[in-house]
Protein backbone atom coordinates (compact mmCIF):
# COMPACT_ATOMS: atom_id res chain seq x y z
CA UNK A 1 -47.62 33.44 85.67
CA UNK A 2 -43.83 34.81 85.75
CA UNK A 3 -41.63 32.04 85.20
CA UNK A 4 -39.18 33.47 87.59
CA UNK A 5 -41.91 33.16 90.38
CA UNK A 6 -42.92 29.21 89.79
CA UNK A 7 -39.48 27.75 91.10
CA UNK A 8 -40.02 30.02 94.34
CA UNK A 9 -43.45 28.97 94.90
CA UNK A 10 -42.25 25.08 94.38
CA UNK A 11 -39.53 25.75 97.00
CA UNK A 12 -41.76 27.25 99.52
CA UNK A 13 -44.40 24.55 99.19
CA UNK A 14 -41.64 21.87 99.49
CA UNK A 15 -40.79 22.87 102.92
CA UNK A 16 -44.25 22.37 104.72
CA UNK A 17 -44.45 19.17 102.64
CA UNK A 18 -41.46 17.60 104.29
CA UNK A 19 -42.04 19.19 107.61
CA UNK A 20 -45.45 17.31 107.50
CA UNK A 21 -43.55 13.96 107.39
CA UNK A 22 -44.70 11.74 110.30
CA UNK A 23 -42.83 8.94 112.08
CA UNK A 24 -45.23 6.42 110.28
CA UNK A 25 -44.37 7.68 106.61
CA UNK A 26 -40.62 7.44 107.42
CA UNK A 27 -40.77 4.25 108.84
CA UNK A 28 -42.66 3.03 105.79
CA UNK A 29 -40.06 4.33 103.48
CA UNK A 30 -36.98 3.26 105.50
CA UNK A 31 -38.44 -0.20 106.03
CA UNK A 32 -37.05 -2.15 103.14
CA UNK A 33 -33.48 -1.05 103.93
CA UNK A 34 -34.00 -1.71 107.57
CA UNK A 35 -35.29 -5.41 107.14
CA UNK A 36 -32.29 -5.87 104.69
CA UNK A 37 -29.91 -4.62 107.85
CA UNK A 38 -31.88 -7.02 109.99
CA UNK A 39 -31.63 -10.04 107.94
CA UNK A 40 -27.93 -9.31 107.66
CA UNK A 41 -27.33 -8.77 111.54
CA UNK A 42 -29.82 -11.97 111.96
CA UNK A 43 -27.70 -14.26 109.95
CA UNK A 44 -24.37 -13.22 111.62
CA UNK A 45 -24.83 -12.79 115.53
CA UNK A 46 -21.79 -12.29 117.60
CA UNK A 47 -21.16 -13.44 121.45
CA UNK A 48 -21.39 -11.02 124.12
CA UNK A 49 -18.07 -9.09 124.45
CA UNK A 50 -17.17 -10.04 120.75
CA UNK A 51 -19.50 -7.95 118.85
CA UNK A 52 -16.77 -6.43 116.69
CA UNK A 53 -18.59 -6.51 113.37
CA UNK A 54 -21.98 -5.83 114.96
CA UNK A 55 -20.82 -2.73 116.32
CA UNK A 56 -19.11 -1.81 112.87
CA UNK A 57 -22.56 -2.11 111.16
CA UNK A 58 -23.93 0.39 113.92
CA UNK A 59 -21.07 2.84 113.42
CA UNK A 60 -21.57 2.67 109.77
CA UNK A 61 -25.13 3.55 109.63
CA UNK A 62 -24.73 6.71 112.41
CA UNK A 63 -21.92 7.76 110.05
CA UNK A 64 -24.18 7.80 106.99
CA UNK A 65 -26.22 10.11 108.68
CA UNK A 66 -23.52 12.69 109.05
CA UNK A 67 -23.27 11.95 112.96
CA UNK A 68 -19.86 11.75 114.71
CA UNK A 69 -19.50 8.19 116.10
CA UNK A 70 -17.10 7.04 118.91
CA UNK A 71 -16.19 3.22 119.12
CA UNK A 72 -15.00 0.91 121.44
CA UNK A 73 -16.57 2.78 124.36
CA UNK A 74 -16.43 0.71 127.66
CA UNK A 75 -13.99 -0.67 130.07
CA UNK A 76 -14.69 -4.22 131.37
CA UNK A 77 -13.11 -5.46 134.90
CA UNK A 78 -11.69 -8.33 133.02
CA UNK A 79 -7.97 -7.14 132.16
CA UNK A 80 -7.30 -6.87 128.25
CA UNK A 81 -11.04 -7.21 127.32
CA UNK A 82 -12.15 -4.90 124.45
CA UNK A 83 -15.76 -3.31 124.60
CA UNK A 84 -17.40 -2.74 121.31
CA UNK A 85 -19.58 0.17 122.55
CA UNK A 86 -20.79 2.72 120.05
CA UNK A 87 -21.89 6.09 121.10
CA UNK A 88 -23.07 8.87 118.59
CA UNK A 89 -24.28 12.51 119.81
CA UNK A 90 -26.71 14.49 117.78
CA UNK A 91 -26.98 18.19 118.94
CA UNK A 92 -29.79 20.22 117.90
CA UNK A 93 -29.98 23.45 119.97
CA UNK A 94 -30.71 23.84 123.45
CA UNK A 95 -33.19 21.55 125.03
CA UNK A 96 -33.09 18.02 126.99
CA UNK A 97 -30.84 15.30 126.62
CA UNK A 98 -32.19 11.87 125.43
CA UNK A 99 -30.16 8.82 125.33
CA UNK A 100 -31.62 5.87 123.05
CA UNK A 101 -30.08 2.58 123.49
CA UNK A 102 -29.67 -0.50 121.82
CA UNK A 103 -28.03 -3.90 122.54
CA UNK A 104 -25.77 -5.76 120.32
CA UNK A 105 -24.99 -9.33 121.47
CA UNK A 106 -26.47 -12.75 120.32
CA UNK A 107 -26.38 -15.86 122.33
CA UNK A 108 -24.76 -19.34 122.17
CA UNK A 109 -27.90 -21.01 120.57
CA UNK A 110 -28.03 -23.17 117.39
CA UNK A 111 -30.88 -21.75 115.54
CA UNK A 112 -33.94 -23.86 114.46
CA UNK A 113 -36.23 -21.42 112.67
CA UNK A 114 -35.75 -22.81 109.49
CA UNK A 115 -35.63 -19.14 108.10
CA UNK A 116 -33.74 -18.58 104.82
CA UNK A 117 -31.63 -15.90 106.56
CA UNK A 118 -31.31 -18.00 109.73
CA UNK A 119 -27.93 -17.99 111.29
CA UNK A 120 -25.37 -20.53 110.57
CA UNK A 121 -22.44 -18.87 112.15
CA UNK A 122 -20.11 -20.13 115.05
CA UNK A 123 -17.61 -18.41 117.29
CA UNK A 124 -15.51 -19.09 120.18
CA UNK A 125 -16.58 -18.60 123.43
CA UNK A 126 -14.62 -17.42 126.50
CA UNK A 127 -13.49 -21.04 127.31
CA UNK A 128 -12.28 -21.16 123.62
CA UNK A 129 -15.04 -23.77 122.57
CA UNK A 130 -16.61 -23.17 119.23
CA UNK A 131 -20.35 -22.47 119.60
CA UNK A 132 -23.08 -21.66 117.31
CA UNK A 133 -24.71 -18.34 117.49
CA UNK A 134 -28.11 -16.97 117.26
CA UNK A 135 -30.00 -13.56 117.73
CA UNK A 136 -32.46 -15.34 120.02
CA UNK A 137 -33.42 -12.59 122.22
CA UNK A 138 -34.31 -10.22 119.20
CA UNK A 139 -31.22 -7.82 119.66
CA UNK A 140 -31.40 -7.52 115.67
CA UNK A 141 -34.86 -6.12 116.20
CA UNK A 142 -33.60 -3.72 118.39
CA UNK A 143 -30.65 -2.62 116.52
CA UNK A 144 -32.83 -2.29 113.25
CA UNK A 145 -35.43 -0.25 115.13
CA UNK A 146 -32.68 1.85 116.51
CA UNK A 147 -30.98 2.72 113.13
CA UNK A 148 -34.59 3.33 111.86
CA UNK A 149 -35.10 5.48 114.80
CA UNK A 150 -31.84 7.50 114.15
CA UNK A 151 -32.84 8.16 110.58
CA UNK A 152 -36.26 9.26 111.34
CA UNK A 153 -34.83 11.94 114.06
CA UNK A 154 -32.34 13.17 111.55
CA UNK A 155 -35.12 13.85 109.12
CA UNK A 156 -37.36 15.41 111.78
CA UNK A 157 -34.93 17.95 113.02
CA UNK A 158 -37.23 20.82 112.83
CA UNK A 159 -39.57 19.16 115.36
CA UNK A 160 -37.42 18.83 118.22
CA UNK A 161 -34.39 20.49 120.20
CA UNK A 162 -31.80 19.24 122.48
CA UNK A 163 -29.42 16.49 122.26
CA UNK A 164 -29.63 12.79 121.36
CA UNK A 165 -27.15 10.24 122.59
CA UNK A 166 -27.48 7.10 120.48
CA UNK A 167 -25.91 4.10 122.49
CA UNK A 168 -25.07 0.74 120.94
CA UNK A 169 -24.45 -1.29 124.12
CA UNK A 170 -22.40 -4.85 124.06
CA UNK A 171 -22.81 -7.65 126.47
CA UNK A 172 -26.20 -7.13 127.65
CA UNK A 173 -26.90 -10.89 127.91
CA UNK A 174 -24.21 -11.38 130.61
CA UNK A 175 -25.12 -8.14 132.45
CA UNK A 176 -21.67 -6.20 131.93
CA UNK A 177 -22.18 -3.93 129.09
CA UNK A 178 -23.79 -1.15 130.37
CA UNK A 179 -21.49 -1.23 133.44
CA UNK A 180 -18.83 -1.16 131.13
CA UNK A 181 -20.19 1.95 129.37
CA UNK A 182 -20.47 3.85 132.56
CA UNK A 183 -17.14 2.82 133.73
CA UNK A 184 -15.74 4.43 130.56
CA UNK A 185 -17.28 7.65 131.24
CA UNK A 186 -20.58 7.61 129.37
CA UNK A 187 -22.01 10.05 131.65
CA UNK A 188 -19.24 12.35 131.70
CA UNK A 189 -17.40 12.17 128.48
CA UNK A 190 -20.65 12.59 126.56
CA UNK A 191 -23.76 14.58 127.68
CA UNK A 192 -25.72 13.01 130.72
CA UNK A 193 -29.08 12.25 129.73
CA UNK A 194 -32.41 13.73 131.18
CA UNK A 195 -34.15 10.60 129.85
CA UNK A 196 -33.17 7.26 128.81
CA UNK A 197 -35.28 5.13 126.45
CA UNK A 198 -34.98 1.49 125.29
CA UNK A 199 -37.19 -1.16 123.85
CA UNK A 200 -37.26 -5.06 123.38
CA UNK A 201 -39.02 -7.28 121.27
CA UNK A 202 -41.68 -9.37 122.83
CA UNK A 203 -42.36 -13.30 122.12
CA UNK A 204 -45.88 -12.94 123.72
CA UNK A 205 -47.22 -9.95 122.02
CA UNK A 206 -48.85 -9.32 118.59
CA UNK A 207 -46.78 -7.36 115.96
CA UNK A 208 -48.31 -3.73 115.49
CA UNK A 209 -48.48 -3.64 119.30
CA UNK A 210 -46.56 -2.38 122.28
CA UNK A 211 -46.29 -3.25 125.93
CA UNK A 212 -45.13 -1.12 128.90
CA UNK A 213 -44.82 -1.72 132.61
CA UNK A 214 -44.96 1.17 135.19
CA UNK A 215 -42.55 0.76 137.91
CA UNK A 216 -40.32 -2.47 138.32
CA UNK A 217 -40.15 -3.92 135.05
CA UNK A 218 -37.22 -6.38 134.82
CA UNK A 219 -35.69 -8.09 138.03
CA UNK A 220 -32.52 -7.93 139.94
CA UNK A 221 -30.55 -11.03 139.04
CA UNK A 222 -27.95 -12.60 141.51
CA UNK A 223 -25.92 -15.74 140.60
CA UNK A 224 -24.90 -17.50 143.66
CA UNK A 225 -22.29 -20.49 144.05
CA UNK A 226 -23.00 -23.14 146.98
CA UNK A 227 -20.06 -25.39 147.94
CA UNK A 228 -21.42 -28.12 150.52
CA UNK A 229 -18.61 -30.10 152.00
CA UNK A 230 -19.30 -33.65 153.28
CA UNK A 231 -17.17 -36.50 154.89
CA UNK A 232 -16.79 -39.29 152.16
CA UNK A 233 -16.81 -43.08 152.44
CA UNK A 234 -18.24 -45.93 151.13
CA UNK A 235 -21.89 -46.14 150.42
CA UNK A 236 -22.75 -49.37 152.11
CA UNK A 237 -21.40 -47.56 155.42
CA UNK A 238 -23.26 -44.08 155.36
CA UNK A 239 -23.00 -43.92 159.26
CA UNK A 240 -19.28 -43.33 158.81
CA UNK A 241 -19.98 -40.40 156.67
CA UNK A 242 -21.60 -36.93 156.16
CA UNK A 243 -23.34 -37.30 153.15
CA UNK A 244 -23.43 -33.72 151.21
CA UNK A 245 -26.05 -35.17 148.59
CA UNK A 246 -28.55 -35.56 151.07
CA UNK A 247 -27.44 -32.25 152.85
CA UNK A 248 -28.12 -30.16 149.37
CA UNK A 249 -31.18 -31.86 148.99
CA UNK A 250 -32.34 -30.68 152.20
CA UNK A 251 -31.03 -27.36 151.49
CA UNK A 252 -32.87 -27.07 148.09
CA UNK A 253 -36.29 -27.76 149.78
CA UNK A 254 -35.48 -25.54 152.48
CA UNK A 255 -34.83 -22.57 150.14
CA UNK A 256 -38.13 -22.68 148.73
CA UNK A 257 -39.45 -21.94 152.12
CA UNK A 258 -38.01 -18.51 151.86
CA UNK A 259 -40.92 -17.37 149.65
CA UNK A 260 -43.56 -19.18 151.22
CA UNK A 261 -42.81 -18.46 154.96
CA UNK A 262 -40.01 -15.54 155.35
CA UNK A 263 -40.91 -13.10 152.71
CA UNK A 264 -44.07 -10.98 152.46
CA UNK A 265 -46.22 -12.77 150.22
CA UNK A 266 -46.95 -9.61 148.45
CA UNK A 267 -43.33 -9.43 147.02
CA UNK A 268 -42.23 -11.30 144.01
CA UNK A 269 -39.17 -13.47 144.19
CA UNK A 270 -37.61 -16.88 142.82
CA UNK A 271 -34.93 -18.95 144.04
CA UNK A 272 -33.93 -21.40 141.31
CA UNK A 273 -31.33 -24.12 141.94
CA UNK A 274 -30.21 -24.50 138.11
CA UNK A 275 -27.06 -26.74 138.42
CA UNK A 276 -26.29 -29.48 141.08
CA UNK A 277 -23.26 -31.68 140.87
CA UNK A 278 -21.63 -34.18 143.43
CA UNK A 279 -20.41 -37.68 143.52
CA UNK A 280 -18.52 -39.57 140.94
CA UNK A 281 -19.75 -43.28 141.45
CA UNK A 282 -22.71 -45.37 142.57
CA UNK A 283 -21.17 -46.69 145.91
CA UNK A 284 -19.15 -43.72 146.94
CA UNK A 285 -20.55 -41.16 149.14
CA UNK A 286 -18.79 -37.79 147.88
CA UNK A 287 -16.82 -35.40 149.71
CA UNK A 288 -18.51 -32.03 148.18
CA UNK A 289 -21.57 -31.01 146.28
CA UNK A 290 -21.55 -27.75 144.19
CA UNK A 291 -24.77 -25.88 143.41
CA UNK A 292 -25.57 -22.83 141.11
CA UNK A 293 -28.55 -20.65 142.16
CA UNK A 294 -30.27 -17.62 140.59
CA UNK A 295 -32.04 -15.17 142.63
CA UNK A 296 -34.87 -13.01 141.36
CA UNK A 297 -36.21 -9.84 143.21
CA UNK A 298 -37.45 -6.41 142.57
CA UNK A 299 -36.62 -4.28 145.69
CA UNK A 300 -33.23 -4.02 147.38
CA UNK A 301 -34.55 -5.16 150.96
CA UNK A 302 -36.11 -8.30 149.57
CA UNK A 303 -32.72 -8.88 147.82
CA UNK A 304 -30.69 -8.70 150.96
CA UNK A 305 -33.06 -10.60 152.99
CA UNK A 306 -33.20 -13.53 150.54
CA UNK A 307 -29.33 -13.79 150.17
CA UNK A 308 -28.83 -13.72 153.82
CA UNK A 309 -31.80 -16.49 154.07
CA UNK A 310 -29.98 -18.84 151.68
CA UNK A 311 -26.64 -18.50 153.60
CA UNK A 312 -28.40 -19.18 157.14
CA UNK A 313 -30.46 -22.06 155.89
CA UNK A 314 -27.42 -23.84 154.33
CA UNK A 315 -25.35 -23.51 157.39
CA UNK A 316 -28.50 -24.48 159.55
CA UNK A 317 -28.76 -27.58 157.46
CA UNK A 318 -25.11 -28.49 157.90
CA UNK A 319 -25.16 -28.01 161.84
CA UNK A 320 -28.45 -30.17 162.20
CA UNK A 321 -26.63 -32.76 160.24
CA UNK A 322 -23.65 -32.63 162.57
CA UNK A 323 -21.13 -30.89 159.97
CA UNK A 324 -17.98 -29.59 162.15
CA UNK A 325 -17.51 -25.88 162.11
CA UNK A 326 -14.79 -26.24 159.50
CA UNK A 327 -16.87 -28.02 157.14
CA UNK A 328 -19.83 -25.56 156.71
CA UNK A 329 -21.07 -24.59 153.58
CA UNK A 330 -19.80 -21.66 151.61
CA UNK A 331 -22.06 -19.32 149.90
CA UNK A 332 -20.82 -17.17 147.35
CA UNK A 333 -22.85 -14.39 145.56
CA UNK A 334 -21.29 -13.45 142.71
CA UNK A 335 -21.41 -9.47 143.07
CA UNK A 336 -19.61 -8.87 139.72
CA UNK A 337 -22.50 -10.30 137.80
CA UNK A 338 -25.38 -8.82 139.38
CA UNK A 339 -27.89 -6.99 137.48
CA UNK A 340 -30.29 -4.41 139.29
CA UNK A 341 -33.97 -4.46 138.57
CA UNK A 342 -35.14 -2.04 135.78
CA UNK A 343 -37.49 0.67 137.00
CA UNK A 344 -39.60 2.36 134.64
CA UNK A 345 -40.23 5.95 135.99
CA UNK A 346 -43.92 6.17 136.71
CA UNK A 347 -44.34 9.96 135.70
CA UNK A 348 -42.43 9.25 132.28
CA UNK A 349 -44.12 5.88 131.72
CA UNK A 350 -47.40 7.65 132.01
CA UNK A 351 -46.64 10.70 129.71
CA UNK A 352 -45.48 7.97 127.27
CA UNK A 353 -48.47 6.12 127.29
CA UNK A 354 -50.19 8.82 126.51
CA UNK A 355 -47.98 9.57 123.25
CA UNK A 356 -48.05 5.92 122.30
CA UNK A 357 -52.05 5.70 122.37
CA UNK A 358 -52.20 8.77 120.06
CA UNK A 359 -49.50 7.60 117.68
CA UNK A 360 -50.40 3.66 117.64
CA UNK A 361 -53.94 3.64 118.52
CA UNK A 362 -54.92 2.80 122.26
CA UNK A 363 -55.96 -0.73 121.37
CA UNK A 364 -52.38 -1.20 120.12
CA UNK A 365 -51.03 -0.14 123.67
CA UNK A 366 -51.19 -2.59 126.60
CA UNK A 367 -49.98 -2.28 130.09
CA UNK A 368 -48.03 -5.37 131.01
CA UNK A 369 -47.03 -7.14 134.37
CA UNK A 370 -43.38 -7.16 135.29
CA UNK A 371 -41.20 -10.16 134.38
CA UNK A 372 -38.57 -11.96 136.37
CA UNK A 373 -35.98 -11.68 133.45
CA UNK A 374 -32.97 -9.38 133.77
CA UNK A 375 -32.07 -6.63 131.66
CA UNK A 376 -28.94 -4.14 132.26
CA UNK A 377 -30.94 -1.36 130.90
CA UNK A 378 -31.37 -0.74 134.67
CA UNK A 379 -27.77 0.81 135.16
CA UNK A 380 -28.59 3.81 132.80
CA UNK A 381 -31.10 4.94 135.84
CA UNK A 382 -28.10 4.59 138.14
CA UNK A 383 -28.73 3.21 141.50
CA UNK A 384 -31.00 5.76 142.88
CA UNK A 385 -33.11 6.00 139.73
CA UNK A 386 -32.18 9.57 139.37
CA UNK A 387 -32.00 9.37 135.78
CA UNK A 388 -35.61 8.74 134.39
CA UNK A 389 -35.88 5.67 132.20
CA UNK A 390 -38.41 3.59 130.17
CA UNK A 391 -38.06 0.36 128.58
CA UNK A 392 -41.05 -1.05 126.47
CA UNK A 393 -42.11 -4.00 124.76
CA UNK A 394 -42.53 -4.47 120.79
CA UNK A 395 -44.86 -7.24 119.75
CA UNK A 396 -42.84 -9.56 117.38
CA UNK A 397 -45.35 -12.27 116.90
CA UNK A 398 -47.81 -12.77 114.11
CA UNK A 399 -51.34 -12.13 115.24
CA UNK A 400 -52.67 -15.46 113.92
CA UNK A 401 -49.93 -17.44 115.90
CA UNK A 402 -50.87 -15.66 119.06
CA UNK A 403 -54.66 -16.34 118.22
CA UNK A 404 -53.90 -20.09 117.65
CA UNK A 405 -51.59 -20.43 120.70
CA UNK A 406 -54.65 -19.07 123.06
CA UNK A 407 -57.02 -21.47 121.37
CA UNK A 408 -54.97 -24.40 121.79
CA UNK A 409 -53.13 -23.71 124.83
CA UNK A 410 -49.86 -24.24 122.88
CA UNK A 411 -46.70 -22.85 124.08
CA UNK A 412 -44.96 -20.26 121.72
CA UNK A 413 -41.34 -20.16 121.44
CA UNK A 414 -40.29 -18.08 123.96
CA UNK A 415 -36.72 -15.53 124.20
CA UNK A 416 -33.89 -17.38 124.11
CA UNK A 417 -35.52 -20.38 122.29
CA UNK A 418 -33.69 -21.89 119.32
CA UNK A 419 -37.13 -21.37 117.45
CA UNK A 420 -37.78 -17.68 118.41
CA UNK A 421 -38.45 -16.13 115.01
CA UNK A 422 -39.61 -12.38 114.93
CA UNK A 423 -41.85 -11.12 112.16
CA UNK A 424 -39.38 -8.22 110.70
CA UNK A 425 -41.52 -5.99 108.80
CA UNK A 426 -44.42 -5.04 111.23
CA UNK A 427 -42.06 -5.54 114.41
CA UNK A 428 -39.36 -3.07 113.20
CA UNK A 429 -41.80 -0.42 111.99
CA UNK A 430 -43.47 -0.39 115.24
CA UNK A 431 -40.19 -0.05 116.79
CA UNK A 432 -39.18 2.94 114.85
CA UNK A 433 -42.83 4.54 115.23
CA UNK A 434 -42.94 4.01 119.06
CA UNK A 435 -39.51 5.17 119.85
CA UNK A 436 -39.44 8.04 117.34
CA UNK A 437 -42.84 9.54 118.58
CA UNK A 438 -41.36 9.00 122.23
CA UNK A 439 -38.20 10.98 121.70
CA UNK A 440 -40.10 13.69 119.67
CA UNK A 441 -42.51 14.37 122.57
CA UNK A 442 -39.56 14.71 125.16
CA UNK A 443 -37.84 17.19 122.90
CA UNK A 444 -40.68 18.92 121.35
CA UNK A 445 -40.34 22.63 120.31
């Protein structure tokens, strides 16, 4: 053979070999590096709104791929607050725009997993108190999968066309991060997406598997403060007082009838009183009780109905107890903390289910029930759901542990538990493969 021809043949052969790389092969090759990043992120979590070092890791990894990165994206309503949002845009010809999102923040939880890379870090919270920090919700899994997906899509540029917007979002745990990014022009300063994708680790699903819900996936989340005035006095002379503790107890019980007697039983909702405080001493009837409620719903009309019922019942109980008009309960819905329900676009969900079943195997793709937890991923769809979005679950627990729990009935550590410990290698690998396959299908040539 002519020695000049051999290098040309090798070059020609090398192109299709590279082009035939699959998301699985890339995930396998990148996994050692991604697990190392995961363990570093896991060991050093940062609280919501304080993710400076975490965001720097994401920015560094995206820049290493040759991408332009914009840091500190986001505007909070709190004056002087810095948002550590990270946005990177990868353009590859004409085609759709897909936004891939990860969240960055950890939780104020003292880790009790016993892992060699467990977090021992502390950080000052917004009240100036030093608290332990932990990635108890799996955001470290999300970030590692996100980095792996970015690496895979850069390597597979011959297989897709369009624009990918990679977003590292702060403050998911307090429901303000996505709002801050949108308020800072995420959909105007950067390309507005045709599709939005996200993932979340699952504490109830085996590694190697994913789960997805069509339609409502996460709930509306409302925080409600209720102040119940009373008329204080001696505990031995209750007839000369108006006891707000008794009143508050009546309200708590009556609020539970909203679900059982006011709302269509086919609708899902939760009214939970998470905090109740009143009184200072055994023999003193206090002059006020304060309660904090969380309200979970899916549909706007159900949300409106429940919030109105909470106030109506509170004032009705007070009126029945003979409270004067100027001592009525005050119900305050914290609108700034509202997180809307996440809605997985049905058409997009069906499309991706087909992709994932083909990529991961039908036995590894599960349709799941919606949950009453909140996720500000919902914000990316906009209030009218006009931007099709899907967030899916990635199994993070060893299959043997799931099987044992089912056999014995024991409860596994949930998200936000101090003992929540994902198995990193298979979880990250599945996250990278599933997300990469989804993007490739939406942007295929």
